Amino acid sequence: MFEIIVKTSNRVEAKNITDELERVVRGKDGSILHLYTPHTTCGLLINEDADPNVMKDILEALERIVPGNYPYKHLEGNAHAHIKSSMIGCSIMVPFSEGKLRLGTWQGIFLMEFDGPRERKVIGTLV
C-alpha cells in the first residue's frame, strides 16, 4: 500500500496524477492498481488527458447538473461538492503490467476537486 498527497489550487479542478502513478508502478509486477481517496468532496476519474478542454467541459457540465448556488440543506455550504463526489466516485482500478499502467492512448487519471483548495490523500494498492 502507498499514499500520495495531492495539493489542489482552486475551488474546483481536475488535477492530473497520471505521471505520479506511473512512477509508483514503474519496475513493479502485478496486475491491478486500486486507488481510493478518503474524502467526501473530491473523486477519482479516468478520462482524456490530451486536450485540457475535455476536463473543463466535464467540470462545467457537473456545475450545470449540480450548481453551487442551489439552496441545499447541508449547512457547511459545500453540498454541491458532496453530490459531485458521489457522482464521480472515490475509487478506481487500473490494470498494469511490466511496470506500466495500461491506460488507453488518450487516458489519464485525475483527482477531481470540488471543495478546494485542499491537500488530498490518494491511497493505492498494487495487487
C-alpha atoms as a PDB file:
ATOM      1  CA  MET A   1       0.000   0.000   0.000  1.00  0.00           C
ATOM      2  CA  PHE A   2       1.127   3.556  -0.665  1.00  0.00           C
ATOM      3  CA  GLU A   3      -0.212   7.062  -0.271  1.00  0.00           C
ATOM      4  CA  ILE A   4       0.272  10.182  -2.354  1.00  0.00           C
ATOM      5  CA  ILE A   5      -0.612  13.718  -1.363  1.00  0.00           C
ATOM      6  CA  VAL A   6      -2.283  15.893  -3.994  1.00  0.00           C
ATOM      7  CA  LYS A   7      -2.390  19.643  -3.388  1.00  0.00           C
ATOM      8  CA  THR A   8      -5.139  21.426  -5.260  1.00  0.00           C
ATOM      9  CA  SER A   9      -5.062  25.133  -6.038  1.00  0.00           C
ATOM     10  CA  ASN A  10      -8.641  26.003  -6.944  1.00  0.00           C
ATOM     11  CA  ARG A  11     -12.147  25.557  -5.585  1.00  0.00           C
ATOM     12  CA  VAL A  12     -12.907  23.164  -8.447  1.00  0.00           C
ATOM     13  CA  GLU A  13     -10.286  21.500 -10.626  1.00  0.00           C
ATOM     14  CA  ALA A  14      -9.194  18.320 -12.332  1.00  0.00           C
ATOM     15  CA  LYS A  15      -5.659  17.501 -11.180  1.00  0.00           C
ATOM     16  CA  ASN A  16      -3.837  15.027 -13.417  1.00  0.00           C
ATOM     17  CA  ILE A  17      -1.996  12.480 -11.233  1.00  0.00           C
ATOM     18  CA  THR A  18      -1.071  10.011 -14.000  1.00  0.00           C
ATOM     19  CA  ASP A  19       2.683  10.706 -14.047  1.00  0.00           C
ATOM     20  CA  GLU A  20       2.998  10.232 -10.298  1.00  0.00           C
ATOM     21  CA  LEU A  21       1.136   6.926 -10.519  1.00  0.00           C
ATOM     22  CA  GLU A  22       3.288   5.785 -13.455  1.00  0.00           C
ATOM     23  CA  ARG A  23       6.326   6.320 -11.197  1.00  0.00           C
ATOM     24  CA  VAL A  24       4.700   4.178  -8.496  1.00  0.00           C
ATOM     25  CA  VAL A  25       4.168   1.152 -10.777  1.00  0.00           C
ATOM     26  CA  ARG A  26       7.485   1.505 -12.648  1.00  0.00           C
ATOM     27  CA  GLY A  27       9.502  -1.668 -12.184  1.00  0.00           C
ATOM     28  CA  LYS A  28       6.696  -3.415 -10.291  1.00  0.00           C
ATOM     29  CA  ASP A  29       4.981  -6.678 -11.094  1.00  0.00           C
ATOM     30  CA  GLY A  30       1.268  -7.020 -10.614  1.00  0.00           C
ATOM     31  CA  SER A  31      -1.956  -6.708 -12.466  1.00  0.00           C
ATOM     32  CA  ILE A  32      -4.232  -4.118 -10.792  1.00  0.00           C
ATOM     33  CA  LEU A  33      -3.662  -0.695  -9.299  1.00  0.00           C
ATOM     34  CA  HIS A  34      -6.508   0.160  -6.946  1.00  0.00           C
ATOM     35  CA  LEU A  35      -6.871   3.845  -5.968  1.00  0.00           C
ATOM     36  CA  TYR A  36      -9.076   5.306  -3.276  1.00  0.00           C
ATOM     37  CA  THR A  37      -9.481   8.792  -1.856  1.00  0.00           C
ATOM     38  CA  PRO A  38     -10.857   9.035   1.704  1.00  0.00           C
ATOM     39  CA  HIS A  39     -12.609  12.351   1.172  1.00  0.00           C
ATOM     40  CA  THR A  40     -16.270  13.200   0.624  1.00  0.00           C
ATOM     41  CA  THR A  41     -15.807  16.280  -1.589  1.00  0.00           C
ATOM     42  CA  CYS A  42     -13.426  15.013  -4.249  1.00  0.00           C
ATOM     43  CA  GLY A  43     -13.271  11.985  -6.514  1.00  0.00           C
ATOM     44  CA  LEU A  44     -11.140   9.968  -8.916  1.00  0.00           C
ATOM     45  CA  LEU A  45     -11.752   9.783 -12.643  1.00  0.00           C
ATOM     46  CA  ILE A  46     -10.181   8.289 -15.763  1.00  0.00           C
ATOM     47  CA  ASN A  47     -10.737  10.321 -18.905  1.00  0.00           C
ATOM     48  CA  GLU A  48      -8.933  12.119 -21.717  1.00  0.00           C
ATOM     49  CA  ASP A  49      -5.766  13.978 -20.798  1.00  0.00           C
ATOM     50  CA  ALA A  50      -4.640  15.013 -24.302  1.00  0.00           C
ATOM     51  CA  ASP A  51      -6.987  18.001 -24.582  1.00  0.00           C
ATOM     52  CA  PRO A  52      -7.439  20.040 -21.364  1.00  0.00           C
ATOM     53  CA  ASN A  53     -10.766  21.294 -22.688  1.00  0.00           C
ATOM     54  CA  VAL A  54     -12.283  17.861 -22.015  1.00  0.00           C
ATOM     55  CA  MET A  55     -11.783  18.315 -18.257  1.00  0.00           C
ATOM     56  CA  LYS A  56     -13.066  21.887 -18.477  1.00  0.00           C
ATOM     57  CA  ASP A  57     -16.178  20.590 -20.234  1.00  0.00           C
ATOM     58  CA  ILE A  58     -16.695  17.875 -17.611  1.00  0.00           C
ATOM     59  CA  LEU A  59     -16.342  20.354 -14.731  1.00  0.00           C
ATOM     60  CA  GLU A  60     -18.706  22.813 -16.423  1.00  0.00           C
ATOM     61  CA  ALA A  61     -21.250  20.054 -17.092  1.00  0.00           C
ATOM     62  CA  LEU A  62     -21.125  18.945 -13.458  1.00  0.00           C
ATOM     63  CA  GLU A  63     -21.708  22.549 -12.388  1.00  0.00           C
ATOM     64  CA  ARG A  64     -24.778  22.760 -14.643  1.00  0.00           C
ATOM     65  CA  ILE A  65     -26.130  19.496 -13.229  1.00  0.00           C
ATOM     66  CA  VAL A  66     -25.245  20.293  -9.587  1.00  0.00           C
ATOM     67  CA  PRO A  67     -24.976  24.085  -9.248  1.00  0.00           C
ATOM     68  CA  GLY A  68     -23.099  25.550  -6.305  1.00  0.00           C
ATOM     69  CA  ASN A  69     -25.727  28.234  -5.734  1.00  0.00           C
ATOM     70  CA  TYR A  70     -28.719  25.919  -5.186  1.00  0.00           C
ATOM     71  CA  PRO A  71     -30.319  26.246  -1.695  1.00  0.00           C
ATOM     72  CA  TYR A  72     -29.116  22.878  -0.332  1.00  0.00           C
ATOM     73  CA  LYS A  73     -29.953  21.842   3.228  1.00  0.00           C
ATOM     74  CA  HIS A  74     -26.355  20.983   4.211  1.00  0.00           C
ATOM     75  CA  LEU A  75     -25.228  23.955   6.288  1.00  0.00           C
ATOM     76  CA  GLU A  76     -21.489  23.919   5.505  1.00  0.00           C
ATOM     77  CA  GLY A  77     -22.105  25.356   2.045  1.00  0.00           C
ATOM     78  CA  ASN A  78     -20.458  22.517   0.152  1.00  0.00           C
ATOM     79  CA  ALA A  79     -23.382  20.169  -0.525  1.00  0.00           C
ATOM     80  CA  HIS A  80     -22.717  20.519  -4.258  1.00  0.00           C
ATOM     81  CA  ALA A  81     -19.199  19.127  -3.693  1.00  0.00           C
ATOM     82  CA  HIS A  82     -20.561  16.102  -1.823  1.00  0.00           C
ATOM     83  CA  ILE A  83     -23.044  15.404  -4.620  1.00  0.00           C
ATOM     84  CA  LYS A  84     -20.433  15.747  -7.392  1.00  0.00           C
ATOM     85  CA  SER A  85     -18.070  13.476  -5.463  1.00  0.00           C
ATOM     86  CA  SER A  86     -20.843  10.894  -5.167  1.00  0.00           C
ATOM     87  CA  MET A  87     -21.426  11.066  -8.910  1.00  0.00           C
ATOM     88  CA  ILE A  88     -17.730  10.685  -9.814  1.00  0.00           C
ATOM     89  CA  GLY A  89     -16.830   8.131  -7.132  1.00  0.00           C
ATOM     90  CA  CYS A  90     -13.959   7.766  -4.707  1.00  0.00           C
ATOM     91  CA  SER A  91     -12.108   4.776  -6.199  1.00  0.00           C
ATOM     92  CA  ILE A  92     -10.896   3.345  -9.479  1.00  0.00           C
ATOM     93  CA  MET A  93      -8.953   0.317 -10.665  1.00  0.00           C
ATOM     94  CA  VAL A  94      -6.398   0.338 -13.468  1.00  0.00           C
ATOM     95  CA  PRO A  95      -4.619  -2.671 -14.921  1.00  0.00           C
ATOM     96  CA  PHE A  96      -0.831  -2.576 -15.095  1.00  0.00           C
ATOM     97  CA  SER A  97       1.864  -4.951 -16.273  1.00  0.00           C
ATOM     98  CA  GLU A  98       5.593  -4.855 -16.836  1.00  0.00           C
ATOM     99  CA  GLY A  99       5.757  -1.702 -14.735  1.00  0.00           C
ATOM    100  CA  LYS A 100       3.349   0.295 -16.889  1.00  0.00           C
ATOM    101  CA  LEU A 101      -0.238   1.440 -16.482  1.00  0.00           C
ATOM    102  CA  ARG A 102      -2.438   0.011 -19.224  1.00  0.00           C
ATOM    103  CA  LEU A 103      -4.394   3.173 -19.929  1.00  0.00           C
ATOM    104  CA  GLY A 104      -5.823   3.957 -23.340  1.00  0.00           C
ATOM    105  CA  THR A 105      -3.884   6.221 -25.688  1.00  0.00           C
ATOM    106  CA  TRP A 106      -5.655   9.394 -24.566  1.00  0.00           C
ATOM    107  CA  GLN A 107      -6.492   8.443 -20.973  1.00  0.00           C
ATOM    108  CA  GLY A 108      -5.213   9.985 -17.770  1.00  0.00           C
ATOM    109  CA  ILE A 109      -6.073   9.652 -14.091  1.00  0.00           C
ATOM    110  CA  PHE A 110      -7.476  12.725 -12.340  1.00  0.00           C
ATOM    111  CA  LEU A 111      -8.246  13.767  -8.812  1.00  0.00           C
ATOM    112  CA  MET A 112     -11.436  15.767  -9.180  1.00  0.00           C
ATOM    113  CA  GLU A 113     -11.504  18.575  -6.613  1.00  0.00           C
ATOM    114  CA  PHE A 114     -14.902  20.023  -5.769  1.00  0.00           C
ATOM    115  CA  ASP A 115     -14.189  21.876  -2.500  1.00  0.00           C
ATOM    116  CA  GLY A 116     -10.656  23.231  -2.671  1.00  0.00           C
ATOM    117  CA  PRO A 117      -8.068  24.301  -2.456  1.00  0.00           C
ATOM    118  CA  ARG A 118      -7.045  21.452  -0.198  1.00  0.00           C
ATOM    119  CA  GLU A 119      -4.454  18.793   0.441  1.00  0.00           C
ATOM    120  CA  ARG A 120      -5.904  15.420  -0.550  1.00  0.00           C
ATOM    121  CA  LYS A 121      -4.778  11.836   0.003  1.00  0.00           C
ATOM    122  CA  VAL A 122      -4.919   9.109  -2.594  1.00  0.00           C
ATOM    123  CA  ILE A 123      -4.325   5.650  -1.187  1.00  0.00           C
ATOM    124  CA  GLY A 124      -3.181   2.972  -3.578  1.00  0.00           C
ATOM    125  CA  THR A 125      -2.751  -0.784  -3.524  1.00  0.00           C
ATOM    126  CA  LEU A 126      -0.825  -2.824  -6.067  1.00  0.00           C
ATOM    127  CA  VAL A 127      -2.489  -6.211  -6.470  1.00  0.00           C
END
